Protein backbone atom coordinates (compact mmCIF):
# COMPACT_ATOMS: atom_id res chain seq x y z
CA MET A 1 -0.07 0.22 -0.20
CA VAL A 2 1.01 3.54 -0.75
CA GLY A 3 0.05 6.63 0.75
CA ARG A 4 -1.52 9.44 -1.14
CA ARG A 5 1.52 11.99 -0.43
CA GLU A 6 4.02 9.03 -1.00
CA GLY A 7 2.79 8.22 -4.34
CA ARG A 8 2.60 11.57 -5.44
CA TRP A 9 6.63 11.62 -4.65
CA PHE A 10 6.82 8.58 -6.41
CA ILE A 11 5.22 9.89 -9.65
CA PHE A 12 7.25 12.62 -9.46
CA GLY A 13 10.52 10.63 -9.25
CA GLY A 14 9.32 9.04 -11.93
CA ALA A 15 8.46 11.67 -14.38
CA ALA A 16 11.61 12.96 -13.57
CA THR A 17 13.28 9.87 -14.45
CA VAL A 18 11.74 9.35 -18.12
CA THR A 19 12.22 13.45 -18.64
CA ALA A 20 15.84 13.30 -18.49
CA VAL A 21 16.14 10.14 -20.45
CA VAL A 22 13.81 11.77 -22.97
CA LEU A 23 15.94 14.74 -22.62
CA PHE A 24 19.21 13.11 -23.35
CA ILE A 25 17.86 10.86 -26.36
CA GLY A 26 16.14 14.07 -27.85
CA LEU A 27 19.22 16.36 -27.66
CA ALA A 28 21.22 13.53 -29.52
CA ILE A 29 18.66 13.62 -32.09
CA TYR A 30 18.57 17.40 -32.21
CA ALA A 31 22.12 17.48 -32.53
CA LEU A 32 21.88 15.01 -35.76
CA LEU A 33 19.11 16.39 -37.59
CA SER A 34 20.20 20.13 -36.96
CA PHE A 35 23.46 19.84 -38.29
CA ASP A 36 23.03 19.69 -42.02
CA VAL A 37 19.55 18.13 -42.70
CA SER A 38 19.64 18.63 -46.55
CA ALA A 39 23.09 17.22 -47.07
CA ALA A 40 21.73 14.13 -45.19
CA SER A 41 18.88 14.07 -47.45
CA VAL A 42 20.53 13.94 -50.21
CA GLY A 43 22.87 11.22 -48.86
CA LEU A 44 20.09 9.26 -47.33
CA ILE A 45 19.24 7.85 -51.46
CA ASP A 46 23.11 7.15 -51.96
CA ALA A 47 23.66 4.23 -53.57
CA TYR A 48 26.25 3.03 -51.52
CA THR A 49 24.21 3.70 -47.95
CA TRP A 50 21.57 1.37 -49.62
CA ARG A 51 24.13 -1.18 -50.03
CA ILE A 52 24.66 -0.83 -46.46
CA LEU A 53 21.09 -1.02 -45.35
CA ARG A 54 20.94 -4.48 -47.43
CA PHE A 55 23.57 -6.04 -46.14
CA THR A 56 22.64 -5.37 -42.52
CA LEU A 57 19.40 -6.99 -43.36
CA TRP A 58 20.44 -9.50 -45.26
CA GLN A 59 23.61 -10.31 -42.40
CA ALA A 60 20.98 -10.43 -40.00
CA MET A 61 18.61 -12.56 -41.58
CA LEU A 62 21.07 -15.36 -42.51
CA SER A 63 22.30 -15.18 -39.13
CA THR A 64 18.81 -15.68 -37.45
CA VAL A 65 18.34 -18.59 -39.71
CA LEU A 66 21.35 -20.31 -38.59
CA SER A 67 21.24 -19.48 -34.76
CA VAL A 68 17.44 -20.62 -34.34
CA ALA A 69 17.84 -24.01 -36.58
CA LEU A 70 21.07 -25.06 -34.59
CA GLY A 71 19.77 -23.82 -31.63
CA LEU A 72 16.40 -25.72 -32.06
CA LEU A 73 18.14 -29.05 -32.83
CA VAL A 74 20.46 -28.47 -29.65
CA ALA A 75 17.76 -27.63 -27.64
CA LEU A 76 15.86 -31.02 -29.24
CA ALA A 77 18.81 -33.02 -28.47
CA LEU A 78 19.32 -31.62 -24.65
CA ALA A 79 15.51 -32.30 -23.93
CA ARG A 80 15.69 -35.92 -25.13
CA GLN A 81 19.00 -36.63 -23.39
CA ARG A 82 18.16 -35.99 -19.91
CA ASN A 83 20.63 -37.77 -18.63
CA PHE A 84 23.96 -36.46 -20.73
CA PRO A 85 26.96 -36.80 -18.84
CA GLY A 86 27.77 -33.04 -17.55
CA ARG A 87 24.34 -31.75 -19.08
CA ILE A 88 23.81 -29.16 -16.43
CA TRP A 89 27.30 -27.92 -17.12
CA ILE A 90 26.29 -27.22 -21.08
CA ILE A 91 23.23 -25.75 -20.44
CA ARG A 92 25.40 -23.36 -17.98
CA LEU A 93 27.88 -22.98 -20.32
CA MET A 94 24.90 -21.44 -23.03
CA ALA A 95 24.70 -18.79 -20.46
CA VAL A 96 28.48 -17.46 -20.52
CA PRO A 97 28.24 -16.00 -23.95
CA MET A 98 25.32 -13.10 -22.23
CA GLY A 99 27.96 -12.13 -19.93
CA LEU A 100 31.05 -12.21 -21.76
CA PRO A 101 32.11 -8.93 -23.68
CA VAL A 102 31.78 -9.13 -27.63
CA ILE A 103 35.39 -7.97 -28.34
CA VAL A 104 36.28 -11.30 -25.90
CA GLY A 105 34.17 -13.38 -27.56
CA ALA A 106 35.31 -12.08 -31.59
CA LEU A 107 39.01 -12.97 -30.07
CA GLY A 108 38.46 -16.26 -29.42
CA LEU A 109 36.64 -17.07 -32.50
CA ILE A 110 39.52 -15.50 -34.30
CA SER A 111 42.01 -17.71 -32.51
CA ILE A 112 39.66 -20.88 -33.82
CA TRP A 113 38.50 -19.88 -37.07
CA GLY A 114 41.21 -17.27 -38.23
CA ARG A 115 43.70 -17.44 -41.07
CA GLN A 116 45.86 -19.02 -38.12
CA GLY A 117 43.40 -20.44 -36.00
CA VAL A 118 43.20 -24.22 -35.33
CA LEU A 119 40.41 -25.47 -37.91
CA ASN A 120 42.28 -23.58 -40.65
CA MET A 121 46.39 -24.88 -39.73
CA LEU A 122 45.16 -28.02 -40.26
CA PRO A 123 44.34 -27.80 -44.14
CA GLN A 124 46.97 -25.84 -44.97
CA THR A 125 49.45 -28.15 -43.38
CA ALA A 126 48.24 -30.56 -46.12
CA GLY A 127 48.67 -27.65 -48.54
CA LEU A 128 45.21 -26.86 -48.94
CA ASP A 129 43.53 -23.31 -48.96
CA ALA A 130 42.18 -22.03 -45.47
CA PRO A 131 38.21 -23.56 -45.43
CA VAL A 132 36.71 -20.45 -43.67
CA SER A 133 37.77 -17.25 -43.43
CA ILE A 134 36.60 -15.36 -40.55
CA TYR A 135 36.25 -12.15 -41.90
CA GLY A 136 33.65 -10.75 -44.10
CA LEU A 137 30.13 -12.42 -44.09
CA SER A 138 31.23 -15.43 -43.23
CA GLY A 139 33.05 -14.36 -40.08
CA ILE A 140 29.84 -12.16 -39.03
CA LEU A 141 27.61 -15.26 -39.28
CA VAL A 142 30.04 -17.54 -37.36
CA ALA A 143 29.89 -15.22 -34.72
CA HIS A 144 26.59 -14.14 -34.71
CA VAL A 145 25.77 -17.86 -34.27
CA PHE A 146 28.08 -18.21 -31.22
CA PHE A 147 26.58 -15.54 -29.51
CA ASN A 148 23.28 -16.23 -30.52
CA LEU A 149 22.84 -19.85 -30.73
CA PRO A 150 23.35 -20.14 -26.82
CA LEU A 151 20.25 -18.13 -26.32
CA ALA A 152 17.98 -19.61 -28.89
CA THR A 153 19.02 -22.97 -27.24
CA ARG A 154 18.30 -21.78 -23.80
CA LEU A 155 14.47 -20.29 -24.84
CA PHE A 156 13.40 -23.50 -26.56
CA LEU A 157 14.78 -25.77 -24.16
CA ALA A 158 12.36 -23.93 -21.62
CA GLY A 159 9.53 -24.12 -23.97
CA LEU A 160 10.14 -28.05 -24.24
CA GLU A 161 10.81 -28.76 -20.34
CA ALA A 162 7.16 -26.78 -20.16
CA VAL A 163 5.58 -29.54 -22.10
CA PRO A 164 3.43 -31.79 -19.39
CA GLY A 165 5.14 -35.30 -18.61
CA GLU A 166 1.88 -36.54 -19.93
CA TYR A 167 2.10 -35.49 -23.37
CA TRP A 168 5.50 -37.78 -23.25
CA ARG A 169 4.08 -40.85 -21.90
CA MET A 170 0.71 -40.93 -24.04
CA GLY A 171 3.31 -40.65 -27.06
CA SER A 172 5.46 -43.48 -25.75
CA ALA A 173 1.92 -45.56 -25.52
CA LEU A 174 1.10 -44.48 -28.80
CA GLY A 175 4.10 -45.67 -30.14
CA PHE A 176 5.13 -42.39 -31.46
CA GLY A 177 8.27 -42.60 -33.72
CA PRO A 178 10.95 -39.36 -33.78
CA PHE A 179 9.41 -37.84 -36.83
CA ALA A 180 5.42 -38.47 -34.63
CA THR A 181 7.36 -37.08 -31.40
CA PHE A 182 8.24 -34.04 -33.09
CA ARG A 183 5.42 -33.05 -35.25
CA PHE A 184 2.43 -34.01 -32.18
CA VAL A 185 4.68 -32.65 -29.12
CA GLU A 186 7.65 -30.91 -29.72
CA TRP A 187 6.52 -28.51 -32.67
CA PRO A 188 3.38 -26.98 -30.93
CA ALA A 189 5.54 -25.97 -28.10
CA VAL A 190 8.38 -24.66 -29.96
CA ALA A 191 6.02 -23.07 -32.14
CA ARG A 192 4.29 -20.67 -29.75
CA ILE A 193 7.62 -18.95 -29.06
CA LEU A 194 9.65 -19.14 -32.52
CA PRO A 195 8.66 -16.14 -33.49
CA GLY A 196 9.86 -14.61 -30.85
CA VAL A 197 12.75 -16.11 -30.48
CA ALA A 198 13.57 -15.18 -34.25
CA GLY A 199 12.70 -11.81 -33.66
CA LEU A 200 14.86 -11.07 -30.81
CA ILE A 201 17.71 -12.75 -32.45
CA PHE A 202 17.03 -10.74 -35.64
CA MET A 203 17.04 -7.56 -33.72
CA LEU A 204 20.26 -8.44 -32.01
CA CYS A 205 22.24 -9.31 -35.39
CA ALA A 206 20.41 -6.05 -36.81
CA THR A 207 22.22 -3.89 -34.53
CA SER A 208 25.45 -5.60 -33.80
CA PHE A 209 28.45 -3.03 -33.95
CA THR A 210 31.70 -4.33 -31.89
CA LEU A 211 31.29 -8.18 -34.03
CA VAL A 212 31.20 -6.02 -38.04
CA LEU A 213 33.56 -3.75 -36.47
CA LEU A 214 35.99 -6.26 -35.99
CA LEU A 215 35.15 -9.30 -38.50
CA GLY A 216 33.63 -6.96 -41.53
CA GLY A 217 36.45 -7.01 -43.58
CA GLY A 218 35.77 -4.01 -45.38
CA PRO A 219 33.24 -1.78 -47.26
CA ALA A 220 31.58 -4.94 -48.75
CA ALA A 221 30.63 -5.88 -45.15
CA THR A 222 29.77 -3.32 -43.37
CA THR A 223 26.41 -2.71 -41.59
CA ILE A 224 24.67 0.67 -40.71
CA GLU A 225 25.96 1.02 -37.21
CA VAL A 226 29.87 0.41 -38.23
CA ALA A 227 29.68 3.01 -41.09
CA ILE A 228 28.33 5.80 -38.82
CA TYR A 229 31.35 5.03 -36.83
CA GLN A 230 33.24 4.99 -39.63
CA ALA A 231 31.79 8.25 -40.90
CA LEU A 232 32.60 10.26 -37.83
CA ARG A 233 35.69 8.71 -36.88
CA PHE A 234 38.05 8.50 -40.14
CA ASP A 235 36.11 10.66 -42.58
CA PHE A 236 34.69 12.85 -40.49
CA ASP A 237 31.17 12.98 -42.77
CA PRO A 238 28.46 14.35 -40.70
CA PRO A 239 26.09 14.07 -43.59
CA ARG A 240 26.65 10.60 -44.30
CA ALA A 241 26.96 10.04 -40.75
CA ILE A 242 23.36 11.73 -39.92
CA ALA A 243 21.61 9.82 -42.79
CA LEU A 244 22.68 6.41 -41.58
CA SER A 245 21.26 7.41 -38.35
CA VAL A 246 18.21 8.45 -39.58
CA MET A 247 18.16 5.18 -41.51
CA GLN A 248 19.12 3.16 -38.17
CA ILE A 249 16.61 4.83 -36.52
CA ALA A 250 13.47 4.01 -38.74
CA MET A 251 15.08 0.20 -39.43
CA THR A 252 15.40 -0.06 -35.30
CA GLY A 253 11.41 1.37 -34.98
CA ALA A 254 9.76 -0.65 -37.92
CA LEU A 255 11.93 -4.00 -36.28
CA LEU A 256 10.50 -2.98 -32.51
CA ALA A 257 6.90 -2.23 -33.91
CA LEU A 258 7.10 -5.87 -35.68
CA LEU A 259 8.59 -7.39 -32.71
CA ALA A 260 5.80 -6.18 -30.47
CA LEU A 261 3.57 -7.81 -32.78
CA LEU A 262 5.22 -11.22 -32.60
CA PRO A 263 4.62 -13.83 -29.65
CA SER A 264 6.95 -13.55 -26.92
CA ALA A 265 10.17 -15.26 -27.01
CA GLU A 266 9.25 -16.48 -23.12
CA PRO A 267 7.80 -20.08 -22.87
CA ASP A 268 5.34 -20.86 -20.28
CA ARG A 269 6.45 -22.07 -16.64
CA GLN A 270 8.02 -25.34 -16.68
CA SER A 271 6.30 -28.72 -16.30
CA GLN A 272 5.86 -29.49 -12.28
CA SER A 273 5.49 -33.33 -13.44
CA PRO A 274 8.79 -35.06 -13.36
CA LEU A 275 9.85 -35.69 -17.09
CA LEU A 276 9.77 -38.79 -18.53
CA ARG A 277 10.72 -39.78 -22.23
CA MET A 278 11.30 -42.82 -23.82
CA ASP A 279 12.26 -41.47 -27.62
CA GLY A 280 16.10 -40.88 -27.04
CA ARG A 281 17.19 -44.29 -25.56
CA LYS A 282 17.70 -45.97 -28.52
CA ALA A 283 21.18 -46.39 -29.99
CA GLY A 284 19.92 -44.12 -33.25
CA PRO A 285 18.77 -41.01 -31.48
CA ARG A 286 21.40 -41.19 -28.92
CA LEU A 287 23.84 -41.17 -30.99
CA TRP A 288 22.84 -38.47 -33.15
CA ASP A 289 21.56 -36.25 -30.06
CA SER A 290 25.60 -36.63 -28.83
CA ALA A 291 26.83 -35.41 -31.72
CA VAL A 292 24.73 -32.58 -31.81
CA ILE A 293 25.75 -32.04 -28.14
CA LEU A 294 29.16 -32.54 -28.58
CA SER A 295 29.49 -30.15 -31.46
CA VAL A 296 27.58 -27.16 -29.92
CA LEU A 297 29.89 -28.16 -27.22
CA PHE A 298 33.23 -27.09 -29.46
CA LEU A 299 31.42 -24.15 -31.23
CA VAL A 300 30.74 -22.30 -28.07
CA GLY A 301 33.65 -24.02 -25.74
CA ALA A 302 36.60 -23.58 -27.59
CA PRO A 303 36.80 -20.06 -28.69
CA LEU A 304 36.30 -19.71 -24.65
CA CYS A 305 39.33 -21.85 -24.19
CA ALA A 306 40.96 -20.45 -26.74
CA VAL A 307 40.79 -17.37 -25.01
CA ALA A 308 41.79 -18.60 -21.88
CA SER A 309 44.76 -20.41 -23.17
CA ALA A 310 45.96 -17.06 -24.56
CA GLY A 311 45.39 -15.01 -21.79
CA VAL A 312 47.24 -17.64 -19.48
CA SER A 313 49.96 -18.10 -21.44
CA ALA A 314 50.56 -13.79 -21.63
CA ASP A 315 52.70 -12.12 -18.96
CA LEU A 316 49.60 -11.46 -17.29
CA TRP A 317 51.99 -9.76 -14.12
CA ARG A 318 53.38 -7.21 -16.71
CA LEU A 319 50.29 -6.30 -18.29
CA LEU A 320 48.35 -5.88 -14.73
CA SER A 321 51.16 -3.50 -13.53
CA ALA A 322 51.35 -1.53 -17.13
CA PRO A 323 50.30 1.99 -16.45
CA THR A 324 48.24 2.13 -19.39
CA PHE A 325 45.76 -0.91 -17.74
CA LEU A 326 45.71 0.76 -14.37
CA GLN A 327 44.06 4.01 -16.38
CA ALA A 328 42.11 2.01 -18.53
CA ALA A 329 40.74 -0.41 -15.66
CA ALA A 330 40.46 2.85 -13.66
CA THR A 331 38.27 4.73 -15.77
CA SER A 332 36.37 1.66 -16.51
CA PHE A 333 35.43 0.84 -13.30
CA GLN A 334 34.21 4.27 -12.62
CA ILE A 335 31.99 4.51 -15.74
CA ALA A 336 30.25 0.79 -14.42
CA LEU A 337 29.94 2.19 -11.16
CA PHE A 338 28.14 5.52 -12.16
CA SER A 339 26.47 3.14 -14.85
CA GLY A 340 25.30 0.44 -12.34
CA LEU A 341 24.18 3.20 -9.54
CA LEU A 342 22.53 4.97 -12.29
CA ALA A 343 20.68 2.09 -13.89
CA VAL A 344 19.35 0.62 -10.42
CA PHE A 345 18.11 4.21 -9.00
CA ALA A 346 16.26 5.12 -12.23
CA SER A 347 14.67 1.58 -12.20
CA TYR A 348 13.13 1.96 -9.09
CA ALA A 349 11.67 5.24 -9.81
CA LEU A 350 10.11 4.04 -12.76
CA VAL A 351 8.75 0.66 -10.78
CA ARG A 352 7.45 2.65 -7.87
CA ALA A 353 5.66 5.25 -10.10
CA ARG A 354 4.34 2.43 -12.18
CA HIS A 355 2.95 0.59 -9.23
CA ALA A 356 2.01 3.96 -7.44
CA ILE A 357 0.00 4.82 -10.42
CA ALA A 358 -1.71 1.11 -10.73
CA LEU A 359 -2.82 1.47 -6.76
CA ARG A 360 -4.93 4.55 -7.90
CA ARG A 361 -8.81 3.49 -8.94
CA GLU A 362 -9.43 7.18 -10.21
CA ALA A 363 -6.02 6.81 -12.17
CA GLY A 364 -7.26 9.52 -15.71
CA LEU A 365 -6.77 8.74 -18.79
CA SER A 366 -3.22 10.70 -18.50
CA LEU A 367 -2.24 9.13 -15.88
CA LYS A 368 -2.66 5.77 -17.75
CA ALA A 369 -0.68 7.32 -20.92
CA PHE A 370 2.24 8.33 -18.44
CA LEU A 371 2.31 4.73 -16.93
CA VAL A 372 2.60 3.41 -20.62
CA LEU A 373 5.59 5.86 -21.30
CA MET A 374 7.37 4.83 -18.30
CA GLY A 375 7.50 1.72 -19.52
CA ALA A 376 8.28 2.11 -22.74
CA GLY A 377 10.46 4.78 -21.39
CA SER A 378 13.29 1.91 -20.60
CA SER A 379 13.21 0.82 -23.78
CA LEU A 380 14.08 3.87 -25.61
CA VAL A 381 17.87 2.69 -26.22
CA LEU A 382 16.35 0.03 -28.54
CA LEU A 383 14.94 2.34 -30.61
CA VAL A 384 18.32 4.59 -31.10
CA PRO A 385 21.13 2.59 -30.38
CA PRO A 386 24.15 3.72 -28.44
CA VAL A 387 26.17 4.57 -31.92
CA VAL A 388 23.68 6.71 -32.82
CA LEU A 389 23.44 8.42 -29.37
CA GLY A 390 27.57 8.91 -29.00
CA SER A 391 27.32 10.24 -32.62
CA GLY A 392 24.67 12.61 -31.48
CA TRP A 393 26.64 14.25 -28.57
CA PHE A 394 30.02 14.38 -30.15
CA LEU A 395 28.51 16.79 -32.56
CA LEU A 396 26.73 18.42 -29.78
CA LEU A 397 29.57 18.39 -27.81
CA ARG A 398 32.20 19.22 -30.51
CA PRO A 399 32.13 23.00 -30.23
CA PHE A 400 32.63 23.38 -26.82
CA GLY A 401 36.33 22.07 -26.86
CA ASP A 402 37.40 18.27 -26.35
CA VAL A 403 34.94 15.67 -26.37
CA ALA A 404 36.90 13.51 -24.30
CA ALA A 405 36.57 15.65 -21.67
CA PHE A 406 32.95 15.25 -21.30
CA ALA A 407 33.38 11.31 -22.64
CA PRO A 408 32.96 9.30 -19.23
CA VAL A 409 30.13 11.03 -18.28
CA ILE A 410 28.25 10.46 -21.81
CA VAL A 411 29.48 6.65 -21.93
CA ALA A 412 28.15 5.87 -18.50
CA ILE A 413 24.77 7.35 -19.74
CA ILE A 414 24.44 5.80 -22.49
CA ASN A 415 25.73 2.40 -20.82
CA MET A 416 23.04 3.24 -18.26
CA LEU A 417 20.44 3.40 -21.03
CA MET A 418 21.31 0.07 -22.46
CA SER A 419 21.24 -2.19 -19.46
CA LEU A 420 17.67 -0.22 -18.19
CA PRO A 421 15.59 -2.81 -20.04
CA PHE A 422 17.44 -5.54 -18.52
CA THR A 423 17.73 -4.09 -14.71
CA MET A 424 14.20 -3.36 -15.34
CA ARG A 425 13.06 -6.71 -15.73
CA VAL A 426 15.03 -7.89 -12.81
CA ILE A 427 13.40 -5.47 -10.28
CA GLU A 428 9.99 -4.80 -11.14
CA PRO A 429 8.73 -8.63 -10.74
CA ALA A 430 10.90 -8.62 -7.48
CA PHE A 431 9.44 -5.56 -6.05
CA LEU A 432 6.00 -5.82 -7.41
CA SER A 433 5.33 -10.09 -5.40
CA HIS A 434 7.46 -8.47 -2.34
CA ASP A 435 4.93 -5.26 -1.95
CA ALA A 436 1.77 -8.12 -2.53
CA ARG A 437 3.11 -9.75 0.31
CA THR A 438 4.10 -7.08 2.81
CA GLY A 439 2.61 -3.87 1.17
CA ARG A 440 -0.28 -4.11 3.27
CA LEU A 441 0.63 -5.30 6.71
CA SER A 442 3.68 -2.18 6.74
CA ALA A 443 0.89 0.00 6.30
CA ALA A 444 -1.01 -0.93 9.51
CA LEU A 445 2.25 -1.04 11.35
CA GLY A 446 3.01 2.68 9.74
CA LEU A 447 6.05 1.70 8.43
CA ARG A 448 6.59 3.98 5.55
CA GLY A 449 10.21 5.95 3.72
CA ILE A 450 13.28 5.18 5.15
CA SER A 451 11.99 2.94 8.19
CA ARG A 452 10.20 0.91 5.42
CA PHE A 453 13.21 0.39 3.41
CA ARG A 454 15.40 -0.52 6.31
CA PHE A 455 13.22 -3.37 8.10
CA VAL A 456 11.07 -4.21 5.08
CA ASP A 457 12.05 -3.91 2.04
CA TRP A 458 16.04 -3.96 2.04
CA PRO A 459 16.28 -7.48 3.53
CA ILE A 460 14.36 -8.94 0.81
CA LEU A 461 15.01 -6.78 -2.26
CA TRP A 462 18.95 -6.81 -2.02
CA ARG A 463 19.37 -10.02 -3.87
CA PRO A 464 17.80 -8.92 -7.03
CA THR A 465 19.09 -4.84 -6.53
CA ALA A 466 22.56 -6.80 -6.93
CA THR A 467 21.75 -8.66 -9.78
CA ALA A 468 20.70 -5.71 -11.48
CA PHE A 469 23.65 -3.95 -10.23
CA PHE A 470 26.06 -6.50 -11.66
CA PHE A 471 24.65 -7.33 -14.62
CA ALA A 472 24.44 -3.27 -15.65
CA MET A 473 28.27 -3.03 -14.18
CA ALA A 474 29.51 -6.08 -16.73
CA LEU A 475 27.73 -4.53 -19.72
CA SER A 476 29.05 -1.44 -18.94
CA LEU A 477 32.78 -2.78 -18.70
CA GLY A 478 32.60 -5.10 -21.72
CA ASP A 479 30.58 -2.93 -23.89
CA LEU A 480 32.92 -1.18 -26.88
CA GLY A 481 29.90 0.82 -28.99
CA ALA A 482 29.35 3.98 -26.52
CA VAL A 483 33.47 4.05 -26.13
CA ALA A 484 34.28 3.83 -30.03
CA LEU A 485 33.55 7.24 -30.80
CA PHE A 486 35.35 9.09 -28.12
CA GLY A 487 38.40 6.50 -27.53
CA SER A 488 41.85 8.25 -27.39
CA GLU A 489 44.85 8.44 -25.76
CA ASN A 490 43.34 10.55 -22.95
CA PHE A 491 39.98 8.09 -22.71
CA VAL A 492 41.03 4.83 -22.35
CA THR A 493 38.67 2.04 -21.24
CA LEU A 494 39.71 -1.74 -21.00
CA PRO A 495 37.60 -2.63 -24.53
CA TRP A 496 39.03 0.42 -26.02
CA LEU A 497 42.31 -1.32 -24.83
CA VAL A 498 41.71 -4.45 -26.08
CA TYR A 499 40.93 -3.19 -29.80
CA SER A 500 43.72 -0.29 -29.77
CA ASN A 501 46.08 -3.70 -29.07
CA MET A 502 44.65 -5.88 -31.76
CA GLY A 503 45.24 -3.13 -34.36
CA SER A 504 48.73 -2.25 -33.78
CA TYR A 505 49.14 -6.22 -34.29
CA ARG A 506 50.24 -6.87 -30.39
CA THR A 507 48.07 -10.13 -29.94
CA GLN A 508 49.69 -10.79 -27.29
CA ASP A 509 48.67 -8.25 -25.14
CA ALA A 510 45.61 -8.05 -26.47
CA ALA A 511 44.99 -11.96 -25.64
CA GLY A 512 45.82 -11.45 -22.18
CA TYR A 513 43.97 -7.99 -21.26
CA ALA A 514 40.79 -9.63 -22.80
CA PHE A 515 41.15 -12.73 -20.72
CA ILE A 516 41.35 -9.87 -17.73
CA LEU A 517 38.53 -8.28 -18.73
CA GLY A 518 36.51 -11.41 -19.45
CA VAL A 519 36.93 -12.74 -15.66
CA ILE A 520 35.95 -9.67 -14.45
CA CYS A 521 32.87 -9.36 -16.73
CA LEU A 522 31.85 -12.83 -15.64
CA VAL A 523 32.78 -12.38 -12.34
CA LEU A 524 30.44 -9.92 -11.92
CA ALA A 525 27.63 -10.95 -14.44
CA ALA A 526 27.44 -14.19 -11.73
CA GLY A 527 27.52 -12.09 -8.83
CA GLY A 528 23.93 -12.35 -6.97
CA VAL A 529 22.55 -13.50 -10.02
CA SER A 530 20.12 -16.50 -9.20
CA ARG A 531 18.41 -18.81 -11.83
CA ARG A 532 15.20 -16.73 -11.50
CA SER A 533 17.00 -13.33 -11.92
CA MET A 534 18.83 -15.13 -15.23
CA LYS A 535 15.74 -16.07 -16.76
CA ALA A 536 14.29 -12.47 -16.14
CA ILE A 537 17.10 -11.12 -17.95
CA VAL A 538 16.84 -13.76 -20.59
């Protein structure tokens, strides 16, 4: 229960948060549109720009098809083989790419699939050409599958495990073979969430930045976000950057509208009855499922092992004591700490305001519209990606001097906006569930404000709060997109340090820094994360 006066303060806090978010994004868009609209409109119809748009959508479509198809195969295999050795650890391994910085995963993929990688060295020793190129379209597809196949697998597997145990027993009693089981039991379970899973992965691939920047391989394999970065960072062509930014906003807006029409990617609740499946006990299905599981274990595990091996073999003590690393680590942790705190405070402001409005019986149309706006405000960064936000603020701050002087605050706020949809999904269900149990009793006891927070809220909500905070910090520490436009000798973060070492061909140092960054982010992402909160983040 929320008192009327207290509710007004909560609504005011939510309004202030939404206003700040809209103002930050609006100023970036204003800076883009006010620079040179006429020149940008001419660039918008340029053949090169349309070619970039076509490639962005093409690679996203191919990546989605591969990730969804392979993820479905792996989920079916894991669902059938419930007694497969190490099954629970394989499923947990699927969560590692979620907390791994993209630049670290890309370095591991280069170690396996690159020209001097494990898979290409063997044919070359026999005098054959390298079968796979990690650069260009093929490299982008491999990288997107590495990061998105585990996500698809976990979502499909949750959908299959939600099927009631009676369905499997009835199928076994009726003598269903593999095809009949898939047609009548498995397919209906995954078909409900398939559009949502495919739409989510397509959105992630269409807005991919770091992977395309590292593995794109030139103008023939460039997405819109990378082209925006190149137009400002290398060519300083603001009209083209504006044209591409407008196109990016239009594309993401259309994709979000389409995604809203698709069924949710979140499966139903897991079946409470024990699952007893007989269809995976024969030699044929067991052999096929084992081959599929071992293949995905190599696909996901090999790059991670490559990063760990190269990192351990580097001179870690020298790297850890280097002034450049200490400066980059201090900058990254300051930004991540500020970003994480902002994300948690903004999430609670929005959640409490939404809850206060929902409790008002006489809430008018304006308050209901504001309730919807607060829900959408946390996801505005999906409409305006970090590279577009960074471009707008880059142009807005240039007249005031060195942009690097403003970079830490700008990057921290952009990272906060990136993590806000995830922190909201962790905090809001926990808060609503807790308030439903304790709200009336707290009101009856006269507990409000600080006293209620100290004795009632904090003992229960500290765990989801820690989960949201650590996850926001991990996202901020591993992000390169928001830093890319501002990175310089005076502004170095850990991802930028890895990227600059890769660009200078200091691969051993890059591997060492990537290993350190990966360990830090995985530890933070795992901090306080329970199974329920991880499902909420997914």
